[in-house]
Amino acid sequence: MNAKINMIYWKSEKFWLGKILEHPEIMTQGKTIDELEENLKEAYLLMAMDDVPKDHNIKEIAI
């Protein structure tokens, strides 16, 4: 699965801050843009996988 999301980001005094455009409730920070991107990916997956059992399956479907 290779979904694309849009990252909105900006620099504060100490950190890069960012949100996911499609899910603005997901916001995090990083010391670098790369760290911010990884933190946003992790936060997105945590949200998407909330309440999904560990023995789940994934299947890509065409729409």
N, C-alpha and C. Protein backbone atom coordinates (compact mmCIF):
# COMPACT_ATOMS: atom_id res chain seq x y z
N MET A 1 0.86 -1.18 0.00
CA MET A 1 0.00 0.00 0.00
C MET A 1 0.90 1.24 0.00
N ASN A 2 0.60 2.17 -0.88
CA ASN A 2 1.46 3.34 -1.03
C ASN A 2 0.59 4.58 -1.16
N ALA A 3 -0.05 4.97 -0.09
CA ALA A 3 -0.94 6.15 -0.10
C ALA A 3 -0.10 7.42 -0.01
N LYS A 4 -0.64 8.49 -0.53
CA LYS A 4 0.02 9.79 -0.47
C LYS A 4 -0.81 10.73 0.40
N ILE A 5 -0.14 11.48 1.24
CA ILE A 5 -0.79 12.51 2.05
C ILE A 5 0.00 13.80 1.88
N ASN A 6 -0.63 14.91 2.19
CA ASN A 6 0.01 16.22 2.05
C ASN A 6 0.40 16.77 3.42
N MET A 7 1.66 17.16 3.54
CA MET A 7 2.21 17.71 4.78
C MET A 7 2.25 19.23 4.67
N ILE A 8 1.70 19.90 5.65
CA ILE A 8 1.81 21.36 5.77
C ILE A 8 2.83 21.59 6.89
N TYR A 9 3.86 22.41 6.65
CA TYR A 9 4.88 22.58 7.68
C TYR A 9 5.44 23.99 7.70
N TRP A 10 6.00 24.33 8.85
CA TRP A 10 6.60 25.65 9.05
C TRP A 10 7.62 25.56 10.17
N LYS A 11 8.49 26.56 10.23
CA LYS A 11 9.57 26.59 11.23
C LYS A 11 9.17 27.47 12.40
N SER A 12 9.29 26.93 13.61
CA SER A 12 9.12 27.75 14.82
C SER A 12 10.53 28.14 15.28
N GLU A 13 10.65 28.67 16.48
CA GLU A 13 11.97 29.06 16.97
C GLU A 13 12.92 27.88 17.10
N LYS A 14 12.39 26.70 17.55
CA LYS A 14 13.25 25.55 17.81
C LYS A 14 13.00 24.36 16.90
N PHE A 15 11.77 24.19 16.44
CA PHE A 15 11.40 22.98 15.72
C PHE A 15 10.67 23.28 14.43
N TRP A 16 10.63 22.27 13.56
CA TRP A 16 9.73 22.28 12.43
C TRP A 16 8.41 21.72 12.92
N LEU A 17 7.31 22.39 12.62
CA LEU A 17 5.98 21.94 13.01
C LEU A 17 5.21 21.58 11.75
N GLY A 18 4.30 20.62 11.88
CA GLY A 18 3.55 20.23 10.70
C GLY A 18 2.25 19.53 11.03
N LYS A 19 1.37 19.54 10.03
CA LYS A 19 0.08 18.88 10.08
C LYS A 19 -0.11 18.10 8.79
N ILE A 20 -1.05 17.18 8.81
CA ILE A 20 -1.46 16.48 7.61
C ILE A 20 -2.70 17.18 7.09
N LEU A 21 -2.63 17.66 5.85
CA LEU A 21 -3.72 18.44 5.28
C LEU A 21 -5.05 17.69 5.34
N GLU A 22 -5.03 16.42 5.02
CA GLU A 22 -6.26 15.63 4.99
C GLU A 22 -6.78 15.28 6.39
N HIS A 23 -5.93 15.41 7.39
CA HIS A 23 -6.30 15.14 8.79
C HIS A 23 -5.66 16.21 9.68
N PRO A 24 -6.19 17.44 9.68
CA PRO A 24 -5.54 18.53 10.41
C PRO A 24 -5.47 18.33 11.93
N GLU A 25 -6.19 17.34 12.43
CA GLU A 25 -6.08 17.04 13.86
C GLU A 25 -4.75 16.36 14.19
N ILE A 26 -4.04 15.90 13.17
CA ILE A 26 -2.72 15.28 13.37
C ILE A 26 -1.66 16.35 13.21
N MET A 27 -0.98 16.66 14.31
CA MET A 27 0.07 17.69 14.30
C MET A 27 1.23 17.18 15.13
N THR A 28 2.45 17.45 14.68
CA THR A 28 3.63 17.04 15.44
C THR A 28 4.79 17.97 15.10
N GLN A 29 5.97 17.64 15.60
CA GLN A 29 7.15 18.46 15.39
C GLN A 29 8.36 17.59 15.13
N GLY A 30 9.44 18.21 14.68
CA GLY A 30 10.71 17.53 14.48
C GLY A 30 11.84 18.53 14.46
N LYS A 31 13.04 18.05 14.80
CA LYS A 31 14.21 18.93 14.76
C LYS A 31 14.62 19.25 13.33
N THR A 32 14.30 18.34 12.40
CA THR A 32 14.57 18.54 10.98
C THR A 32 13.28 18.27 10.21
N ILE A 33 13.25 18.65 8.95
CA ILE A 33 12.07 18.35 8.13
C ILE A 33 11.92 16.84 7.96
N ASP A 34 13.04 16.13 7.82
CA ASP A 34 12.96 14.67 7.70
C ASP A 34 12.37 14.03 8.95
N GLU A 35 12.79 14.52 10.13
CA GLU A 35 12.25 13.99 11.38
C GLU A 35 10.76 14.32 11.49
N LEU A 36 10.39 15.54 11.10
CA LEU A 36 8.98 15.93 11.10
C LEU A 36 8.17 14.99 10.22
N GLU A 37 8.67 14.72 9.02
CA GLU A 37 7.97 13.84 8.08
C GLU A 37 7.78 12.44 8.68
N GLU A 38 8.82 11.90 9.29
CA GLU A 38 8.72 10.57 9.92
C GLU A 38 7.71 10.60 11.06
N ASN A 39 7.73 11.66 11.88
CA ASN A 39 6.79 11.76 12.99
C ASN A 39 5.35 11.86 12.50
N LEU A 40 5.12 12.59 11.40
CA LEU A 40 3.78 12.69 10.84
C LEU A 40 3.31 11.35 10.30
N LYS A 41 4.20 10.61 9.63
CA LYS A 41 3.84 9.28 9.13
C LYS A 41 3.45 8.36 10.29
N GLU A 42 4.25 8.39 11.35
CA GLU A 42 3.97 7.55 12.52
C GLU A 42 2.63 7.93 13.16
N ALA A 43 2.39 9.23 13.30
CA ALA A 43 1.13 9.69 13.90
C ALA A 43 -0.06 9.29 13.03
N TYR A 44 0.10 9.39 11.71
CA TYR A 44 -0.97 9.00 10.80
C TYR A 44 -1.28 7.51 10.93
N LEU A 45 -0.24 6.68 10.95
CA LEU A 45 -0.45 5.24 11.09
C LEU A 45 -1.07 4.87 12.43
N LEU A 46 -0.65 5.55 13.49
CA LEU A 46 -1.27 5.29 14.79
C LEU A 46 -2.76 5.61 14.76
N MET A 47 -3.14 6.71 14.11
CA MET A 47 -4.55 7.06 14.00
C MET A 47 -5.30 6.05 13.13
N ALA A 48 -4.71 5.71 11.99
CA ALA A 48 -5.37 4.81 11.05
C ALA A 48 -5.54 3.41 11.62
N MET A 49 -4.60 2.98 12.45
CA MET A 49 -4.62 1.62 12.97
C MET A 49 -5.26 1.51 14.35
N ASP A 50 -5.78 2.61 14.86
CA ASP A 50 -6.44 2.59 16.17
C ASP A 50 -7.59 1.58 16.15
N ASP A 51 -7.63 0.70 17.11
CA ASP A 51 -8.67 -0.33 17.27
C ASP A 51 -8.63 -1.43 16.21
N VAL A 52 -7.54 -1.53 15.45
CA VAL A 52 -7.39 -2.63 14.48
C VAL A 52 -6.61 -3.75 15.18
N PRO A 53 -7.12 -4.99 15.16
CA PRO A 53 -6.40 -6.08 15.83
C PRO A 53 -5.07 -6.38 15.15
N LYS A 54 -4.14 -6.95 15.91
CA LYS A 54 -2.80 -7.24 15.39
C LYS A 54 -2.81 -8.26 14.26
N ASP A 55 -3.79 -9.12 14.21
CA ASP A 55 -3.84 -10.15 13.18
C ASP A 55 -4.71 -9.72 11.99
N HIS A 56 -4.60 -8.46 11.59
CA HIS A 56 -5.39 -7.93 10.49
C HIS A 56 -4.76 -8.26 9.13
N ASN A 57 -5.52 -8.09 8.09
CA ASN A 57 -5.04 -8.26 6.72
C ASN A 57 -5.17 -6.94 5.99
N ILE A 58 -4.34 -6.77 4.96
CA ILE A 58 -4.41 -5.59 4.11
C ILE A 58 -4.51 -6.06 2.66
N LYS A 59 -5.44 -5.47 1.94
CA LYS A 59 -5.59 -5.78 0.52
C LYS A 59 -5.84 -4.47 -0.22
N GLU A 60 -5.05 -4.23 -1.25
CA GLU A 60 -5.24 -3.05 -2.06
C GLU A 60 -6.39 -3.31 -3.02
N ILE A 61 -7.31 -2.36 -3.09
CA ILE A 61 -8.46 -2.50 -3.98
C ILE A 61 -8.51 -1.34 -4.95
N ALA A 62 -9.00 -1.61 -6.15
CA ALA A 62 -9.12 -0.56 -7.15
C ALA A 62 -10.50 0.08 -7.04
N ILE A 63 -10.56 1.41 -7.15
CA ILE A 63 -11.84 2.09 -7.13
C ILE A 63 -11.97 2.98 -8.35
